[in-house]
All heavy atoms as atom14 arrays in JSON, in Angstrom:
{
  "sequence": "SGDLLDGKVKRLKRSGLLVAGLGGSMLYN",
  "atom14_mask": [
    [1, 1, 1, 1, 1, 1, 0, 0, 0, 0, 0, 0, 0, 0],
    [1, 1, 1, 1, 0, 0, 0, 0, 0, 0, 0, 0, 0, 0],
    [1, 1, 1, 1, 1, 1, 1, 1, 0, 0, 0, 0, 0, 0],
    [1, 1, 1, 1, 1, 1, 1, 1, 0, 0, 0, 0, 0, 0],
    [1, 1, 1, 1, 1, 1, 1, 1, 0, 0, 0, 0, 0, 0],
    [1, 1, 1, 1, 1, 1, 1, 1, 0, 0, 0, 0, 0, 0],
    [1, 1, 1, 1, 0, 0, 0, 0, 0, 0, 0, 0, 0, 0],
    [1, 1, 1, 1, 1, 1, 1, 1, 1, 0, 0, 0, 0, 0],
    [1, 1, 1, 1, 1, 1, 1, 0, 0, 0, 0, 0, 0, 0],
    [1, 1, 1, 1, 1, 1, 1, 1, 1, 0, 0, 0, 0, 0],
    [1, 1, 1, 1, 1, 1, 1, 1, 1, 1, 1, 0, 0, 0],
    [1, 1, 1, 1, 1, 1, 1, 1, 0, 0, 0, 0, 0, 0],
    [1, 1, 1, 1, 1, 1, 1, 1, 1, 0, 0, 0, 0, 0],
    [1, 1, 1, 1, 1, 1, 1, 1, 1, 1, 1, 0, 0, 0],
    [1, 1, 1, 1, 1, 1, 0, 0, 0, 0, 0, 0, 0, 0],
    [1, 1, 1, 1, 0, 0, 0, 0, 0, 0, 0, 0, 0, 0],
    [1, 1, 1, 1, 1, 1, 1, 1, 0, 0, 0, 0, 0, 0],
    [1, 1, 1, 1, 1, 1, 1, 1, 0, 0, 0, 0, 0, 0],
    [1, 1, 1, 1, 1, 1, 1, 0, 0, 0, 0, 0, 0, 0],
    [1, 1, 1, 1, 1, 0, 0, 0, 0, 0, 0, 0, 0, 0],
    [1, 1, 1, 1, 0, 0, 0, 0, 0, 0, 0, 0, 0, 0],
    [1, 1, 1, 1, 1, 1, 1, 1, 0, 0, 0, 0, 0, 0],
    [1, 1, 1, 1, 0, 0, 0, 0, 0, 0, 0, 0, 0, 0],
    [1, 1, 1, 1, 0, 0, 0, 0, 0, 0, 0, 0, 0, 0],
    [1, 1, 1, 1, 1, 1, 0, 0, 0, 0, 0, 0, 0, 0],
    [1, 1, 1, 1, 1, 1, 1, 1, 0, 0, 0, 0, 0, 0],
    [1, 1, 1, 1, 1, 1, 1, 1, 0, 0, 0, 0, 0, 0],
    [1, 1, 1, 1, 1, 1, 1, 1, 1, 1, 1, 1, 0, 0],
    [1, 1, 1, 1, 1, 1, 1, 1, 0, 0, 0, 0, 0, 0]
  ],
  "atom14_positions": [
    [[0.85, -1.18, 0.03], [-0.01, -0.01, 0.0], [0.87, 1.24, 0.01], [2.07, 1.18, 0.28], [-0.89, 0.03, 1.24], [-1.77, -1.09, 1.25], [0.0, 0.0, 0.0], [0.0, 0.0, 0.0], [0.0, 0.0, 0.0], [0.0, 0.0, 0.0], [0.0, 0.0, 0.0], [0.0, 0.0, 0.0], [0.0, 0.0, 0.0], [0.0, 0.0, 0.0]],
    [[0.21, 2.35, -0.23], [0.93, 3.65, -0.23], [1.23, 4.12, -1.71], [1.31, 3.37, -2.64], [0.0, 0.0, 0.0], [0.0, 0.0, 0.0], [0.0, 0.0, 0.0], [0.0, 0.0, 0.0], [0.0, 0.0, 0.0], [0.0, 0.0, 0.0], [0.0, 0.0, 0.0], [0.0, 0.0, 0.0], [0.0, 0.0, 0.0], [0.0, 0.0, 0.0]],
    [[1.28, 5.42, -1.8], [1.48, 6.11, -3.08], [2.9, 6.68, -3.12], [3.2, 7.69, -2.41], [0.46, 7.18, -3.24], [0.43, 7.79, -4.67], [1.28, 7.41, -5.49], [-0.39, 8.7, -4.9], [0.0, 0.0, 0.0], [0.0, 0.0, 0.0], [0.0, 0.0, 0.0], [0.0, 0.0, 0.0], [0.0, 0.0, 0.0], [0.0, 0.0, 0.0]],
    [[3.82, 6.13, -3.85], [5.19, 6.64, -3.93], [5.18, 7.93, -4.73], [4.79, 8.01, -5.89], [6.06, 5.62, -4.67], [7.54, 6.02, -4.87], [8.19, 6.19, -3.59], [8.25, 4.92, -5.7], [0.0, 0.0, 0.0], [0.0, 0.0, 0.0], [0.0, 0.0, 0.0], [0.0, 0.0, 0.0], [0.0, 0.0, 0.0], [0.0, 0.0, 0.0]],
    [[5.71, 8.99, -4.12], [5.75, 10.31, -4.7], [7.17, 10.72, -5.08], [7.37, 11.88, -5.51], [5.16, 11.34, -3.68], [4.68, 12.65, -4.29], [3.46, 12.47, -5.18], [4.36, 13.6, -3.17], [0.0, 0.0, 0.0], [0.0, 0.0, 0.0], [0.0, 0.0, 0.0], [0.0, 0.0, 0.0], [0.0, 0.0, 0.0], [0.0, 0.0, 0.0]],
    [[8.13, 9.84, -5.0], [9.49, 10.18, -5.22], [9.74, 10.64, -6.69], [9.55, 9.9, -7.6], [10.35, 8.9, -4.95], [11.62, 9.23, -4.15], [12.22, 10.31, -4.45], [11.99, 8.46, -3.32], [0.0, 0.0, 0.0], [0.0, 0.0, 0.0], [0.0, 0.0, 0.0], [0.0, 0.0, 0.0], [0.0, 0.0, 0.0], [0.0, 0.0, 0.0]],
    [[10.2, 11.87, -6.8], [10.45, 12.45, -8.12], [9.21, 12.89, -8.85], [9.25, 13.14, -10.08], [0.0, 0.0, 0.0], [0.0, 0.0, 0.0], [0.0, 0.0, 0.0], [0.0, 0.0, 0.0], [0.0, 0.0, 0.0], [0.0, 0.0, 0.0], [0.0, 0.0, 0.0], [0.0, 0.0, 0.0], [0.0, 0.0, 0.0], [0.0, 0.0, 0.0]],
    [[8.11, 13.03, -8.18], [6.86, 13.35, -8.8], [6.15, 14.56, -8.19], [6.43, 14.93, -7.03], [5.83, 12.14, -8.73], [6.37, 10.87, -9.34], [5.43, 9.71, -9.05], [5.93, 8.41, -9.55], [5.01, 7.28, -9.18], [0.0, 0.0, 0.0], [0.0, 0.0, 0.0], [0.0, 0.0, 0.0], [0.0, 0.0, 0.0], [0.0, 0.0, 0.0]],
    [[5.21, 15.19, -8.98], [4.37, 16.24, -8.48], [2.94, 15.71, -8.68], [2.61, 15.17, -9.69], [4.63, 17.53, -9.23], [3.67, 18.67, -8.72], [6.06, 17.96, -9.22], [0.0, 0.0, 0.0], [0.0, 0.0, 0.0], [0.0, 0.0, 0.0], [0.0, 0.0, 0.0], [0.0, 0.0, 0.0], [0.0, 0.0, 0.0], [0.0, 0.0, 0.0]],
    [[2.12, 15.96, -7.69], [0.73, 15.44, -7.75], [-0.26, 16.31, -7.05], [0.05, 16.96, -6.06], [0.71, 13.99, -7.16], [-0.58, 13.28, -7.23], [-0.48, 11.87, -6.8], [-1.75, 11.07, -6.98], [-1.66, 9.69, -6.52], [0.0, 0.0, 0.0], [0.0, 0.0, 0.0], [0.0, 0.0, 0.0], [0.0, 0.0, 0.0], [0.0, 0.0, 0.0]],
    [[-1.47, 16.37, -7.58], [-2.58, 17.01, -6.91], [-3.46, 15.95, -6.35], [-3.94, 15.06, -6.99], [-3.39, 17.91, -7.84], [-4.56, 18.57, -7.19], [-5.31, 19.5, -8.2], [-6.36, 20.22, -7.5], [-7.63, 19.84, -7.42], [-7.99, 18.69, -7.97], [-8.55, 20.55, -6.86], [0.0, 0.0, 0.0], [0.0, 0.0, 0.0], [0.0, 0.0, 0.0]],
    [[-3.66, 15.92, -5.0], [-4.48, 14.97, -4.35], [-5.94, 15.24, -4.54], [-6.43, 16.39, -4.2], [-4.17, 14.9, -2.88], [-2.68, 14.62, -2.52], [-2.51, 14.57, -0.97], [-2.15, 13.37, -3.19], [0.0, 0.0, 0.0], [0.0, 0.0, 0.0], [0.0, 0.0, 0.0], [0.0, 0.0, 0.0], [0.0, 0.0, 0.0], [0.0, 0.0, 0.0]],
    [[-6.67, 14.31, -5.09], [-8.05, 14.59, -5.52], [-8.93, 14.87, -4.33], [-9.86, 15.78, -4.41], [-8.59, 13.38, -6.29], [-7.97, 13.15, -7.63], [-8.54, 11.96, -8.33], [-7.9, 11.75, -9.7], [-8.47, 10.61, -10.44], [0.0, 0.0, 0.0], [0.0, 0.0, 0.0], [0.0, 0.0, 0.0], [0.0, 0.0, 0.0], [0.0, 0.0, 0.0]],
    [[-8.79, 14.17, -3.24], [-9.73, 14.38, -2.09], [-9.62, 15.76, -1.44], [-10.59, 16.32, -1.0], [-9.47, 13.3, -1.03], [-9.84, 11.97, -1.46], [-9.72, 10.97, -0.32], [-9.98, 9.62, -0.72], [-9.96, 8.49, 0.09], [-9.67, 8.73, 1.39], [-10.24, 7.31, -0.35], [0.0, 0.0, 0.0], [0.0, 0.0, 0.0], [0.0, 0.0, 0.0]],
    [[-8.37, 16.29, -1.43], [-8.16, 17.56, -0.67], [-7.79, 18.71, -1.61], [-7.86, 19.84, -1.2], [-7.04, 17.3, 0.3], [-5.81, 16.99, -0.34], [0.0, 0.0, 0.0], [0.0, 0.0, 0.0], [0.0, 0.0, 0.0], [0.0, 0.0, 0.0], [0.0, 0.0, 0.0], [0.0, 0.0, 0.0], [0.0, 0.0, 0.0], [0.0, 0.0, 0.0]],
    [[-7.31, 18.43, -2.85], [-6.85, 19.47, -3.69], [-5.41, 19.89, -3.32], [-4.9, 20.84, -3.95], [0.0, 0.0, 0.0], [0.0, 0.0, 0.0], [0.0, 0.0, 0.0], [0.0, 0.0, 0.0], [0.0, 0.0, 0.0], [0.0, 0.0, 0.0], [0.0, 0.0, 0.0], [0.0, 0.0, 0.0], [0.0, 0.0, 0.0], [0.0, 0.0, 0.0]],
    [[-4.79, 19.18, -2.4], [-3.42, 19.51, -1.96], [-2.42, 19.28, -3.11], [-2.52, 18.21, -3.75], [-3.1, 18.63, -0.74], [-2.0, 19.11, 0.2], [-2.43, 20.43, 0.86], [-1.78, 18.06, 1.25], [0.0, 0.0, 0.0], [0.0, 0.0, 0.0], [0.0, 0.0, 0.0], [0.0, 0.0, 0.0], [0.0, 0.0, 0.0], [0.0, 0.0, 0.0]],
    [[-1.51, 20.18, -3.27], [-0.42, 20.07, -4.28], [0.83, 19.58, -3.54], [1.39, 20.29, -2.7], [-0.16, 21.37, -5.03], [-1.37, 22.03, -5.7], [-1.0, 23.33, -6.31], [-1.98, 21.03, -6.74], [0.0, 0.0, 0.0], [0.0, 0.0, 0.0], [0.0, 0.0, 0.0], [0.0, 0.0, 0.0], [0.0, 0.0, 0.0], [0.0, 0.0, 0.0]],
    [[1.3, 18.41, -3.89], [2.45, 17.8, -3.19], [3.49, 17.37, -4.19], [3.2, 17.01, -5.37], [2.0, 16.61, -2.3], [1.14, 17.08, -1.18], [1.27, 15.55, -3.1], [0.0, 0.0, 0.0], [0.0, 0.0, 0.0], [0.0, 0.0, 0.0], [0.0, 0.0, 0.0], [0.0, 0.0, 0.0], [0.0, 0.0, 0.0], [0.0, 0.0, 0.0]],
    [[4.75, 17.26, -3.75], [5.82, 16.76, -4.54], [6.82, 16.07, -3.6], [6.88, 16.28, -2.42], [6.52, 17.85, -5.28], [0.0, 0.0, 0.0], [0.0, 0.0, 0.0], [0.0, 0.0, 0.0], [0.0, 0.0, 0.0], [0.0, 0.0, 0.0], [0.0, 0.0, 0.0], [0.0, 0.0, 0.0], [0.0, 0.0, 0.0], [0.0, 0.0, 0.0]],
    [[7.61, 15.1, -4.16], [8.55, 14.32, -3.36], [9.9, 14.23, -3.98], [10.06, 13.96, -5.19], [0.0, 0.0, 0.0], [0.0, 0.0, 0.0], [0.0, 0.0, 0.0], [0.0, 0.0, 0.0], [0.0, 0.0, 0.0], [0.0, 0.0, 0.0], [0.0, 0.0, 0.0], [0.0, 0.0, 0.0], [0.0, 0.0, 0.0], [0.0, 0.0, 0.0]],
    [[10.95, 14.38, -3.18], [12.37, 14.15, -3.56], [13.01, 13.36, -2.44], [13.51, 13.96, -1.47], [13.04, 15.5, -3.78], [12.67, 16.25, -5.1], [13.23, 17.67, -5.06], [13.13, 15.5, -6.33], [0.0, 0.0, 0.0], [0.0, 0.0, 0.0], [0.0, 0.0, 0.0], [0.0, 0.0, 0.0], [0.0, 0.0, 0.0], [0.0, 0.0, 0.0]],
    [[12.97, 12.04, -2.57], [13.57, 11.19, -1.54], [15.04, 11.05, -1.69], [15.72, 11.58, -2.58], [0.0, 0.0, 0.0], [0.0, 0.0, 0.0], [0.0, 0.0, 0.0], [0.0, 0.0, 0.0], [0.0, 0.0, 0.0], [0.0, 0.0, 0.0], [0.0, 0.0, 0.0], [0.0, 0.0, 0.0], [0.0, 0.0, 0.0], [0.0, 0.0, 0.0]],
    [[15.65, 10.26, -0.79], [17.06, 9.95, -0.85], [17.91, 10.9, -0.03], [17.46, 11.91, 0.41], [0.0, 0.0, 0.0], [0.0, 0.0, 0.0], [0.0, 0.0, 0.0], [0.0, 0.0, 0.0], [0.0, 0.0, 0.0], [0.0, 0.0, 0.0], [0.0, 0.0, 0.0], [0.0, 0.0, 0.0], [0.0, 0.0, 0.0], [0.0, 0.0, 0.0]],
    [[19.15, 10.49, 0.14], [20.15, 11.29, 0.93], [21.29, 11.71, 0.04], [21.37, 11.34, -1.11], [20.62, 10.38, 2.11], [21.47, 9.34, 1.63], [0.0, 0.0, 0.0], [0.0, 0.0, 0.0], [0.0, 0.0, 0.0], [0.0, 0.0, 0.0], [0.0, 0.0, 0.0], [0.0, 0.0, 0.0], [0.0, 0.0, 0.0], [0.0, 0.0, 0.0]],
    [[22.18, 12.46, 0.7], [23.41, 12.88, -0.01], [24.2, 11.64, -0.31], [24.26, 10.67, 0.45], [24.17, 13.81, 0.89], [25.45, 14.36, 0.24], [25.14, 15.45, -1.16], [24.51, 16.92, -0.32], [0.0, 0.0, 0.0], [0.0, 0.0, 0.0], [0.0, 0.0, 0.0], [0.0, 0.0, 0.0], [0.0, 0.0, 0.0], [0.0, 0.0, 0.0]],
    [[24.9, 11.62, -1.42], [25.8, 10.46, -1.8], [26.95, 10.38, -0.88], [27.74, 11.27, -0.7], [26.27, 10.71, -3.24], [27.17, 9.68, -3.9], [26.32, 8.35, -4.09], [27.73, 10.19, -5.18], [0.0, 0.0, 0.0], [0.0, 0.0, 0.0], [0.0, 0.0, 0.0], [0.0, 0.0, 0.0], [0.0, 0.0, 0.0], [0.0, 0.0, 0.0]],
    [[27.04, 9.15, -0.19], [28.13, 8.99, 0.71], [28.85, 7.69, 0.59], [29.95, 7.54, 1.01], [27.66, 9.19, 2.21], [26.61, 8.21, 2.68], [26.92, 7.06, 3.37], [25.22, 8.38, 2.37], [26.02, 6.15, 3.78], [24.29, 7.49, 2.83], [24.7, 6.36, 3.54], [23.77, 5.51, 3.95], [0.0, 0.0, 0.0], [0.0, 0.0, 0.0]],
    [[28.18, 6.66, 0.1], [28.9, 5.37, -0.14], [28.41, 4.64, -1.41], [28.65, 3.46, -1.55], [28.79, 4.46, 1.08], [27.38, 3.9, 1.3], [26.49, 4.2, 0.5], [27.2, 3.17, 2.37], [0.0, 0.0, 0.0], [0.0, 0.0, 0.0], [0.0, 0.0, 0.0], [0.0, 0.0, 0.0], [0.0, 0.0, 0.0], [0.0, 0.0, 0.0]]
  ]
}
């Protein structure tokens, strides 16, 4: 379950909320 937003922009239909996601950390290993 769950909606992966990594690297995406989306408008949530139920709320009209505008969300975007950029996961991950700084490159270290």
